[in-house]
Each structure stands twice: as C-alpha cells, then as structure tokens.
N, C-alpha and C. Protein backbone atom coordinates (compact mmCIF):
# COMPACT_ATOMS: atom_id res chain seq x y z
N MET A 1 45.04 7.72 -102.85
CA MET A 1 44.40 8.54 -103.85
C MET A 1 45.10 8.27 -105.20
N PRO A 2 44.34 7.88 -106.21
CA PRO A 2 44.95 7.65 -107.51
C PRO A 2 45.56 8.94 -108.07
N ALA A 3 46.56 8.76 -108.91
CA ALA A 3 47.31 9.89 -109.45
C ALA A 3 46.40 10.84 -110.25
N ILE A 4 45.46 10.31 -111.00
CA ILE A 4 44.59 11.17 -111.79
C ILE A 4 43.74 12.06 -110.90
N LYS A 5 43.26 11.52 -109.78
CA LYS A 5 42.45 12.31 -108.87
C LYS A 5 43.28 13.40 -108.21
N LEU A 6 44.51 13.05 -107.85
CA LEU A 6 45.43 14.04 -107.29
C LEU A 6 45.68 15.17 -108.26
N LEU A 7 45.89 14.83 -109.53
CA LEU A 7 46.08 15.87 -110.54
C LEU A 7 44.84 16.72 -110.71
N LEU A 8 43.66 16.10 -110.67
CA LEU A 8 42.41 16.87 -110.75
C LEU A 8 42.28 17.84 -109.58
N TRP A 9 42.63 17.38 -108.36
CA TRP A 9 42.57 18.26 -107.20
C TRP A 9 43.54 19.42 -107.32
N ILE A 10 44.76 19.13 -107.78
CA ILE A 10 45.75 20.19 -107.98
C ILE A 10 45.25 21.18 -109.02
N GLY A 11 44.68 20.67 -110.11
CA GLY A 11 44.13 21.53 -111.16
C GLY A 11 42.98 22.38 -110.65
N PHE A 12 42.10 21.78 -109.86
CA PHE A 12 40.95 22.49 -109.32
C PHE A 12 41.40 23.62 -108.36
N ILE A 13 42.32 23.32 -107.48
CA ILE A 13 42.83 24.33 -106.56
C ILE A 13 43.52 25.43 -107.32
N ALA A 14 44.35 25.08 -108.30
CA ALA A 14 45.02 26.08 -109.13
C ALA A 14 44.00 26.93 -109.89
N PHE A 15 42.95 26.29 -110.38
CA PHE A 15 41.93 27.05 -111.08
C PHE A 15 41.22 28.01 -110.14
N LEU A 16 40.89 27.59 -108.91
CA LEU A 16 40.25 28.48 -107.96
C LEU A 16 41.13 29.68 -107.61
N LEU A 17 42.43 29.43 -107.51
CA LEU A 17 43.37 30.55 -107.25
C LEU A 17 43.38 31.53 -108.42
N LEU A 18 43.37 30.97 -109.65
CA LEU A 18 43.36 31.81 -110.84
C LEU A 18 42.05 32.59 -110.94
N LEU A 19 40.94 31.94 -110.61
CA LEU A 19 39.66 32.59 -110.61
C LEU A 19 39.64 33.75 -109.57
N THR A 20 40.19 33.49 -108.41
CA THR A 20 40.29 34.53 -107.36
C THR A 20 41.11 35.71 -107.85
N LYS A 21 42.24 35.43 -108.48
CA LYS A 21 43.06 36.51 -109.01
C LYS A 21 42.34 37.32 -110.08
N ASN A 22 41.63 36.64 -110.98
CA ASN A 22 40.95 37.33 -112.06
C ASN A 22 39.70 38.08 -111.62
N ILE A 23 39.06 37.64 -110.55
CA ILE A 23 37.85 38.31 -110.07
C ILE A 23 38.18 39.40 -109.06
N LEU A 24 39.03 39.10 -108.10
CA LEU A 24 39.26 40.01 -106.99
C LEU A 24 40.51 40.89 -107.19
N PHE A 25 41.51 40.38 -107.88
CA PHE A 25 42.79 41.10 -107.98
C PHE A 25 43.22 41.29 -109.41
N LYS A 26 42.36 42.00 -110.18
CA LYS A 26 42.57 42.20 -111.61
C LYS A 26 43.78 43.12 -111.91
N LYS A 27 44.04 44.02 -110.98
CA LYS A 27 45.12 45.01 -111.23
C LYS A 27 46.45 44.55 -110.64
N HIS A 28 47.48 45.30 -110.90
CA HIS A 28 48.83 44.92 -110.43
C HIS A 28 48.90 45.03 -108.90
N PRO A 29 49.79 44.28 -108.27
CA PRO A 29 49.88 44.23 -106.79
C PRO A 29 50.09 45.60 -106.14
N GLY A 30 50.86 46.46 -106.77
CA GLY A 30 51.11 47.79 -106.22
C GLY A 30 49.83 48.61 -106.03
N TYR A 31 48.89 48.42 -106.92
CA TYR A 31 47.62 49.13 -106.84
C TYR A 31 46.93 48.80 -105.51
N TYR A 32 46.88 47.51 -105.17
CA TYR A 32 46.17 47.08 -103.96
C TYR A 32 46.94 47.53 -102.71
N LYS A 33 48.26 47.52 -102.76
CA LYS A 33 49.04 47.99 -101.64
C LYS A 33 48.69 49.44 -101.34
N ASN A 34 48.69 50.27 -102.38
CA ASN A 34 48.36 51.69 -102.21
C ASN A 34 46.89 51.89 -101.86
N SER A 35 46.06 51.14 -102.49
CA SER A 35 44.59 51.26 -102.26
C SER A 35 44.25 50.95 -100.79
N PHE A 36 44.77 49.82 -100.29
CA PHE A 36 44.46 49.46 -98.91
C PHE A 36 45.11 50.41 -97.90
N ARG A 37 46.27 50.93 -98.26
CA ARG A 37 46.95 51.84 -97.35
C ARG A 37 46.24 53.18 -97.28
N ARG A 38 45.79 53.72 -98.43
CA ARG A 38 45.25 55.06 -98.44
C ARG A 38 43.75 55.16 -98.54
N GLU A 39 43.15 54.41 -99.47
CA GLU A 39 41.74 54.61 -99.78
C GLU A 39 40.81 53.73 -98.98
N TYR A 40 41.26 52.60 -98.52
CA TYR A 40 40.33 51.67 -97.90
C TYR A 40 39.76 52.23 -96.58
N ARG A 41 40.50 53.08 -95.93
CA ARG A 41 40.00 53.69 -94.71
C ARG A 41 38.74 54.52 -94.99
N ARG A 42 38.68 55.11 -96.20
CA ARG A 42 37.56 55.94 -96.58
C ARG A 42 36.43 55.14 -97.24
N TYR A 43 36.68 53.90 -97.58
CA TYR A 43 35.68 53.07 -98.27
C TYR A 43 34.64 52.57 -97.26
N SER A 44 33.39 52.60 -97.67
CA SER A 44 32.34 52.04 -96.84
C SER A 44 31.50 51.07 -97.70
N ILE A 45 30.94 50.09 -97.04
CA ILE A 45 30.10 49.12 -97.76
C ILE A 45 28.91 49.86 -98.38
N LYS A 46 28.46 50.91 -97.73
CA LYS A 46 27.35 51.67 -98.31
C LYS A 46 27.75 52.27 -99.65
N GLN A 47 28.98 52.76 -99.78
CA GLN A 47 29.47 53.24 -101.08
C GLN A 47 29.44 52.11 -102.08
N GLY A 48 29.92 50.98 -101.72
CA GLY A 48 29.91 49.86 -102.61
C GLY A 48 28.52 49.44 -103.01
N TRP A 49 27.60 49.46 -102.05
CA TRP A 49 26.21 49.07 -102.33
C TRP A 49 25.53 50.09 -103.25
N ASP A 50 25.90 51.38 -103.10
CA ASP A 50 25.34 52.39 -103.97
C ASP A 50 25.75 52.18 -105.44
N ARG A 51 26.92 51.64 -105.64
CA ARG A 51 27.40 51.36 -107.01
C ARG A 51 26.98 49.98 -107.54
N ALA A 52 26.44 49.15 -106.67
CA ALA A 52 26.12 47.76 -107.00
C ALA A 52 24.95 47.67 -107.98
N ASN A 53 24.95 46.62 -108.77
CA ASN A 53 23.82 46.28 -109.62
C ASN A 53 23.06 45.13 -108.95
N THR A 54 21.83 45.44 -108.49
CA THR A 54 21.02 44.41 -107.84
C THR A 54 19.82 44.05 -108.71
N LYS A 55 19.71 44.61 -109.88
CA LYS A 55 18.58 44.33 -110.77
C LYS A 55 19.03 43.24 -111.81
N PRO A 56 18.47 42.06 -111.69
CA PRO A 56 18.90 40.97 -112.59
C PRO A 56 18.74 41.34 -114.06
N PHE A 57 19.75 40.97 -114.82
CA PHE A 57 19.82 41.13 -116.29
C PHE A 57 20.03 42.55 -116.77
N SER A 58 20.17 43.53 -115.89
CA SER A 58 20.35 44.89 -116.36
C SER A 58 21.73 45.09 -117.00
N THR A 59 22.76 44.55 -116.44
CA THR A 59 24.09 44.68 -117.03
C THR A 59 24.16 43.88 -118.33
N ILE A 60 23.57 42.71 -118.35
CA ILE A 60 23.54 41.89 -119.56
C ILE A 60 22.82 42.63 -120.67
N LYS A 61 21.67 43.25 -120.39
CA LYS A 61 20.92 44.02 -121.37
C LYS A 61 21.72 45.22 -121.84
N LEU A 62 22.37 45.90 -120.89
CA LEU A 62 23.17 47.06 -121.22
C LEU A 62 24.29 46.67 -122.21
N PHE A 63 24.99 45.60 -121.91
CA PHE A 63 26.07 45.15 -122.83
C PHE A 63 25.51 44.72 -124.17
N TYR A 64 24.38 44.07 -124.15
CA TYR A 64 23.80 43.55 -125.37
C TYR A 64 23.29 44.69 -126.27
N ASN A 65 22.71 45.70 -125.67
CA ASN A 65 22.09 46.80 -126.44
C ASN A 65 23.02 47.97 -126.74
N SER A 66 24.12 48.10 -126.00
CA SER A 66 24.98 49.27 -126.14
C SER A 66 25.88 49.17 -127.38
N ARG A 67 25.83 50.28 -128.11
CA ARG A 67 26.74 50.36 -129.29
C ARG A 67 27.96 51.17 -128.91
N ASN A 68 27.96 51.84 -127.77
CA ASN A 68 29.08 52.69 -127.35
C ASN A 68 30.17 51.90 -126.67
N LEU A 69 29.86 50.78 -126.07
CA LEU A 69 30.89 49.98 -125.36
C LEU A 69 31.69 49.16 -126.37
N ASN A 70 32.97 49.06 -126.10
CA ASN A 70 33.87 48.27 -126.90
C ASN A 70 33.38 46.82 -126.99
N ALA A 71 33.29 46.26 -128.19
CA ALA A 71 32.77 44.89 -128.39
C ALA A 71 33.64 43.87 -127.66
N GLU A 72 34.94 44.08 -127.64
CA GLU A 72 35.85 43.11 -126.97
C GLU A 72 35.61 43.17 -125.45
N TYR A 73 35.39 44.37 -124.92
CA TYR A 73 35.10 44.50 -123.51
C TYR A 73 33.81 43.79 -123.13
N LYS A 74 32.76 43.98 -123.92
CA LYS A 74 31.47 43.31 -123.68
C LYS A 74 31.64 41.81 -123.75
N GLN A 75 32.32 41.33 -124.78
CA GLN A 75 32.52 39.91 -124.97
C GLN A 75 33.32 39.31 -123.81
N ASN A 76 34.38 40.00 -123.43
CA ASN A 76 35.23 39.48 -122.32
C ASN A 76 34.45 39.45 -121.04
N ASN A 77 33.63 40.44 -120.79
CA ASN A 77 32.85 40.48 -119.54
C ASN A 77 31.79 39.39 -119.52
N LEU A 78 30.97 39.32 -120.55
CA LEU A 78 29.89 38.36 -120.58
C LEU A 78 30.40 36.91 -120.70
N LEU A 79 31.22 36.66 -121.67
CA LEU A 79 31.72 35.30 -121.87
C LEU A 79 32.71 34.91 -120.77
N GLY A 80 33.46 35.88 -120.28
CA GLY A 80 34.39 35.56 -119.16
C GLY A 80 33.66 35.11 -117.93
N ASN A 81 32.55 35.80 -117.62
CA ASN A 81 31.74 35.40 -116.46
C ASN A 81 31.06 34.07 -116.67
N LEU A 82 30.63 33.80 -117.88
CA LEU A 82 29.94 32.55 -118.18
C LEU A 82 30.93 31.38 -118.22
N LEU A 83 31.97 31.54 -119.02
CA LEU A 83 32.92 30.43 -119.24
C LEU A 83 33.89 30.24 -118.09
N GLY A 84 34.08 31.29 -117.29
CA GLY A 84 35.02 31.20 -116.18
C GLY A 84 34.63 30.17 -115.13
N PHE A 85 33.37 29.87 -115.03
CA PHE A 85 32.91 28.91 -114.01
C PHE A 85 32.61 27.53 -114.55
N VAL A 86 32.76 27.34 -115.86
CA VAL A 86 32.53 26.00 -116.44
C VAL A 86 33.41 24.95 -115.80
N PRO A 87 34.71 25.21 -115.57
CA PRO A 87 35.53 24.16 -114.95
C PRO A 87 35.05 23.77 -113.55
N VAL A 88 34.44 24.68 -112.81
CA VAL A 88 33.94 24.36 -111.48
C VAL A 88 32.81 23.30 -111.61
N GLY A 89 31.93 23.51 -112.52
CA GLY A 89 30.84 22.59 -112.75
C GLY A 89 31.27 21.25 -113.32
N LEU A 90 32.38 21.26 -114.01
CA LEU A 90 32.93 20.02 -114.58
C LEU A 90 33.75 19.24 -113.55
N LEU A 91 34.53 19.94 -112.76
CA LEU A 91 35.44 19.26 -111.84
C LEU A 91 34.79 18.82 -110.51
N LEU A 92 33.85 19.58 -110.00
CA LEU A 92 33.24 19.20 -108.73
C LEU A 92 32.68 17.78 -108.75
N PRO A 93 31.86 17.40 -109.74
CA PRO A 93 31.34 16.02 -109.72
C PRO A 93 32.43 14.96 -109.98
N LEU A 94 33.52 15.32 -110.61
CA LEU A 94 34.59 14.37 -110.79
C LEU A 94 35.34 14.13 -109.51
N LEU A 95 35.41 15.17 -108.66
CA LEU A 95 36.20 15.07 -107.43
C LEU A 95 35.41 14.59 -106.23
N LEU A 96 34.15 15.02 -106.16
CA LEU A 96 33.35 14.70 -104.96
C LEU A 96 31.99 14.11 -105.37
N PRO A 97 31.73 12.86 -105.00
CA PRO A 97 30.47 12.22 -105.39
C PRO A 97 29.22 13.00 -105.02
N PHE A 98 29.28 13.76 -103.95
CA PHE A 98 28.14 14.55 -103.51
C PHE A 98 27.64 15.46 -104.62
N PHE A 99 28.56 15.95 -105.45
CA PHE A 99 28.22 16.91 -106.52
C PHE A 99 27.83 16.24 -107.81
N ARG A 100 27.46 14.98 -107.80
CA ARG A 100 27.04 14.31 -109.00
C ARG A 100 25.56 14.57 -109.32
N LYS A 101 24.92 15.33 -108.46
CA LYS A 101 23.55 15.81 -108.75
C LYS A 101 23.63 17.27 -109.16
N GLY A 102 22.98 17.56 -110.26
CA GLY A 102 23.05 18.90 -110.85
C GLY A 102 22.65 20.03 -109.90
N ILE A 103 21.67 19.80 -109.05
CA ILE A 103 21.20 20.86 -108.14
C ILE A 103 22.33 21.28 -107.19
N TYR A 104 23.13 20.31 -106.75
CA TYR A 104 24.21 20.63 -105.81
C TYR A 104 25.33 21.43 -106.51
N VAL A 105 25.57 21.10 -107.75
CA VAL A 105 26.60 21.86 -108.52
C VAL A 105 26.06 23.28 -108.77
N LEU A 106 24.78 23.39 -109.08
CA LEU A 106 24.17 24.67 -109.31
C LEU A 106 24.28 25.55 -108.05
N LEU A 107 23.96 24.96 -106.90
CA LEU A 107 24.06 25.67 -105.64
C LEU A 107 25.51 26.06 -105.32
N ALA A 108 26.42 25.15 -105.57
CA ALA A 108 27.85 25.45 -105.29
C ALA A 108 28.33 26.60 -106.18
N GLY A 109 27.96 26.59 -107.45
CA GLY A 109 28.30 27.71 -108.34
C GLY A 109 27.70 29.02 -107.87
N PHE A 110 26.46 28.95 -107.43
CA PHE A 110 25.78 30.17 -106.95
C PHE A 110 26.49 30.72 -105.72
N PHE A 111 26.76 29.85 -104.75
CA PHE A 111 27.36 30.35 -103.49
C PHE A 111 28.82 30.76 -103.69
N LEU A 112 29.55 30.07 -104.56
CA LEU A 112 30.93 30.49 -104.86
C LEU A 112 30.92 31.88 -105.50
N SER A 113 30.03 32.06 -106.48
CA SER A 113 29.94 33.36 -107.13
C SER A 113 29.47 34.45 -106.15
N LEU A 114 28.46 34.13 -105.33
CA LEU A 114 28.00 35.08 -104.36
C LEU A 114 29.13 35.47 -103.39
N GLY A 115 29.95 34.52 -103.03
CA GLY A 115 31.10 34.76 -102.16
C GLY A 115 32.07 35.76 -102.81
N PHE A 116 32.37 35.57 -104.08
CA PHE A 116 33.26 36.50 -104.77
C PHE A 116 32.64 37.90 -104.85
N GLU A 117 31.35 37.96 -105.15
CA GLU A 117 30.68 39.27 -105.23
C GLU A 117 30.64 39.95 -103.88
N MET A 118 30.42 39.21 -102.83
CA MET A 118 30.42 39.79 -101.48
C MET A 118 31.83 40.28 -101.09
N MET A 119 32.84 39.55 -101.47
CA MET A 119 34.20 40.01 -101.18
C MET A 119 34.49 41.34 -101.92
N GLN A 120 34.00 41.45 -103.15
CA GLN A 120 34.17 42.69 -103.87
C GLN A 120 33.47 43.83 -103.15
N LEU A 121 32.27 43.56 -102.68
CA LEU A 121 31.49 44.59 -101.96
C LEU A 121 32.13 44.95 -100.61
N LEU A 122 32.53 43.96 -99.86
CA LEU A 122 33.03 44.20 -98.50
C LEU A 122 34.38 44.89 -98.51
N PHE A 123 35.23 44.56 -99.48
CA PHE A 123 36.60 45.07 -99.46
C PHE A 123 36.87 46.10 -100.57
N GLY A 124 35.84 46.45 -101.34
CA GLY A 124 36.03 47.48 -102.38
C GLY A 124 36.93 47.00 -103.50
N LEU A 125 36.92 45.69 -103.76
CA LEU A 125 37.80 45.12 -104.79
C LEU A 125 37.13 45.05 -106.16
N GLY A 126 35.95 45.55 -106.28
CA GLY A 126 35.20 45.55 -107.51
C GLY A 126 33.78 46.00 -107.21
N ILE A 127 32.90 45.75 -108.16
CA ILE A 127 31.52 46.17 -107.99
C ILE A 127 30.63 44.93 -107.95
N PHE A 128 29.80 44.88 -106.92
CA PHE A 128 28.85 43.79 -106.79
C PHE A 128 27.86 43.89 -107.94
N ASP A 129 27.67 42.78 -108.65
CA ASP A 129 26.77 42.74 -109.80
C ASP A 129 26.02 41.41 -109.79
N VAL A 130 24.72 41.48 -109.63
CA VAL A 130 23.91 40.27 -109.59
C VAL A 130 23.99 39.51 -110.91
N ASP A 131 24.23 40.24 -112.02
CA ASP A 131 24.36 39.53 -113.32
C ASP A 131 25.61 38.69 -113.37
N ASP A 132 26.63 39.08 -112.67
CA ASP A 132 27.82 38.21 -112.58
C ASP A 132 27.46 36.89 -111.92
N ILE A 133 26.61 36.96 -110.87
CA ILE A 133 26.19 35.73 -110.16
C ILE A 133 25.38 34.86 -111.14
N VAL A 134 24.48 35.48 -111.89
CA VAL A 134 23.67 34.75 -112.86
C VAL A 134 24.55 34.06 -113.90
N LEU A 135 25.48 34.81 -114.47
CA LEU A 135 26.36 34.24 -115.52
C LEU A 135 27.30 33.20 -114.94
N ASN A 136 27.88 33.41 -113.79
CA ASN A 136 28.79 32.45 -113.16
C ASN A 136 28.07 31.17 -112.85
N THR A 137 26.86 31.29 -112.29
CA THR A 137 26.07 30.07 -111.95
C THR A 137 25.67 29.31 -113.20
N ALA A 138 25.30 30.04 -114.25
CA ALA A 138 24.98 29.38 -115.52
C ALA A 138 26.21 28.67 -116.09
N GLY A 139 27.36 29.31 -116.00
CA GLY A 139 28.60 28.67 -116.46
C GLY A 139 28.92 27.42 -115.69
N CYS A 140 28.71 27.44 -114.40
CA CYS A 140 28.94 26.26 -113.57
C CYS A 140 28.00 25.15 -114.01
N PHE A 141 26.74 25.49 -114.27
CA PHE A 141 25.78 24.48 -114.71
C PHE A 141 26.14 23.93 -116.07
N ILE A 142 26.65 24.75 -116.96
CA ILE A 142 27.13 24.28 -118.28
C ILE A 142 28.23 23.25 -118.07
N GLY A 143 29.14 23.53 -117.16
CA GLY A 143 30.20 22.58 -116.84
C GLY A 143 29.62 21.25 -116.35
N TYR A 144 28.59 21.30 -115.50
CA TYR A 144 27.94 20.08 -115.05
C TYR A 144 27.27 19.35 -116.20
N VAL A 145 26.63 20.05 -117.10
CA VAL A 145 26.00 19.41 -118.27
C VAL A 145 27.04 18.68 -119.10
N ILE A 146 28.20 19.28 -119.29
CA ILE A 146 29.30 18.65 -120.01
C ILE A 146 29.71 17.37 -119.28
N TYR A 147 29.89 17.46 -117.96
CA TYR A 147 30.22 16.28 -117.17
C TYR A 147 29.17 15.20 -117.36
N TRP A 148 27.89 15.58 -117.20
CA TRP A 148 26.78 14.65 -117.28
C TRP A 148 26.76 13.96 -118.65
N PHE A 149 26.92 14.77 -119.71
CA PHE A 149 26.92 14.20 -121.07
C PHE A 149 28.00 13.16 -121.29
N PHE A 150 29.24 13.54 -120.94
CA PHE A 150 30.34 12.60 -121.14
C PHE A 150 30.24 11.41 -120.20
N ASN A 151 29.75 11.60 -119.02
CA ASN A 151 29.54 10.49 -118.11
C ASN A 151 28.50 9.50 -118.68
N ARG A 152 27.44 10.05 -119.26
CA ARG A 152 26.40 9.25 -119.86
C ARG A 152 26.94 8.50 -121.09
N VAL A 153 27.69 9.20 -121.93
CA VAL A 153 28.26 8.58 -123.15
C VAL A 153 29.25 7.46 -122.77
N LEU A 154 30.10 7.74 -121.80
CA LEU A 154 31.10 6.72 -121.39
C LEU A 154 30.40 5.52 -120.74
N ASN A 155 29.35 5.75 -119.96
CA ASN A 155 28.64 4.64 -119.36
C ASN A 155 27.94 3.80 -120.44
N LEU A 156 27.37 4.44 -121.44
CA LEU A 156 26.73 3.69 -122.51
C LEU A 156 27.74 2.86 -123.29
N GLN A 157 28.92 3.42 -123.53
CA GLN A 157 29.97 2.67 -124.25
C GLN A 157 30.43 1.50 -123.40
N ASP A 158 30.50 1.66 -122.08
CA ASP A 158 30.92 0.55 -121.20
C ASP A 158 29.86 -0.56 -121.23
N ARG A 159 28.60 -0.21 -121.38
CA ARG A 159 27.54 -1.22 -121.34
C ARG A 159 27.41 -1.99 -122.63
N LYS A 160 27.77 -1.40 -123.77
CA LYS A 160 27.62 -2.05 -125.07
C LYS A 160 28.34 -3.40 -125.14
N PRO A 161 29.59 -3.47 -124.77
CA PRO A 161 30.25 -4.79 -124.85
C PRO A 161 29.59 -5.81 -123.94
N ALA A 162 29.19 -5.36 -122.73
CA ALA A 162 28.55 -6.31 -121.79
C ALA A 162 27.22 -6.73 -122.38
N LEU A 163 26.46 -5.80 -122.95
CA LEU A 163 25.16 -6.15 -123.54
C LEU A 163 25.36 -7.07 -124.73
N ALA A 164 26.33 -6.78 -125.55
CA ALA A 164 26.63 -7.62 -126.73
C ALA A 164 27.00 -9.02 -126.28
N THR A 165 27.79 -9.16 -125.25
CA THR A 165 28.18 -10.47 -124.75
C THR A 165 26.98 -11.22 -124.21
N GLN A 166 26.11 -10.50 -123.48
CA GLN A 166 24.91 -11.12 -122.94
C GLN A 166 23.97 -11.60 -124.02
N VAL A 167 23.80 -10.80 -125.09
CA VAL A 167 22.95 -11.22 -126.22
C VAL A 167 23.55 -12.43 -126.91
N HIS A 168 24.84 -12.46 -127.10
CA HIS A 168 25.51 -13.58 -127.75
C HIS A 168 25.34 -14.86 -126.95
N ASN A 169 25.48 -14.77 -125.62
CA ASN A 169 25.36 -15.94 -124.74
C ASN A 169 23.92 -16.45 -124.74
N ASN A 170 22.92 -15.60 -124.82
CA ASN A 170 21.52 -16.03 -124.81
C ASN A 170 21.14 -16.74 -126.11
N ASN A 171 21.77 -16.40 -127.23
CA ASN A 171 21.44 -17.02 -128.52
C ASN A 171 22.15 -18.37 -128.71
N SER A 172 23.12 -18.67 -127.92
CA SER A 172 23.90 -19.92 -128.08
C SER A 172 23.19 -21.13 -127.54
C-alpha cells in the first residue's frame, strides 16, 4: 500500500471517529457515565421516537424562518450537518474504486447518516432528525462532486501533453 493511501486511510478513520464523537458524544464523558447509569433504564425508544423529527425539511424551515433562535446555533447546526459529511464523499472514491460512481457515494452517505440517527434513537444519545440525514447525505454528495471535479481536471491536464505530442507527430 503506497504511503499516500495509508495516510488517507488513517485520515478517514480518524475523521469517522471525530464524526462519531461530534454526533453521538457531544457532551463530556461524565455526562454519559451518569446518564447510562441512572437515566438509560428509564429511556425507551418510544420516547425517542415521540421527540423525533420525521417530516423532511421541517427543522431546516424552522431554523431558516426562526428569529428567536441564536444565529450561530442555526448556522452550526445546518452547516455542520452539511459540511461534516463532505470529507466522506471526497475520501471514499479516493480509497475504494467501488465508490467512484456518485450513486454509491450518495447511498453510503445516506446509510452512514441513517446509522448515526438510529444510534441516537436507540441509545438516547440525541434526537432522530430526518433533516440531519438530508443534510448529511447532501454534504457527502458535495464531497463527491469535489472529487469528481478535481479528478476530471487532473485527467484533462494529463491528456493535454499526450494530445499535444500526438498532434505534433502527425504534422511532421
């Protein structure tokens, strides 16, 4: 395995761990120790589902239209969900050839985000929100578009010298 690929894998794994920490374990470790010891016994998935947002775009509309919510909070939530998954969409096609098709990256982003939301629901680590899945998946696809664009630009640059050489040889 070339060194650059190894570094990309290490970066990808580190990024997934950071993503897990930021999505599932936002609070300090003592909070979770106490929460699982005392409150988790009383938590039910039904309670989590009652608090869940299953209506697409409702949280996004709420944040967009609300003047009462802190602007920094809204920005961090919306942009954080969107931009947080961009590296996934960028790194997957670099690491695994299977993900060089956009639909596969889109599905990977969707299922990764769905997995995080389900963990929040199952373990009471947050609130299930379908808008998070929408934003995370969109962010993953933005990462893929960045990959696709740079891959296309680099391939075109690689072809120019070969094309120029071929044109020169044909005129001689």
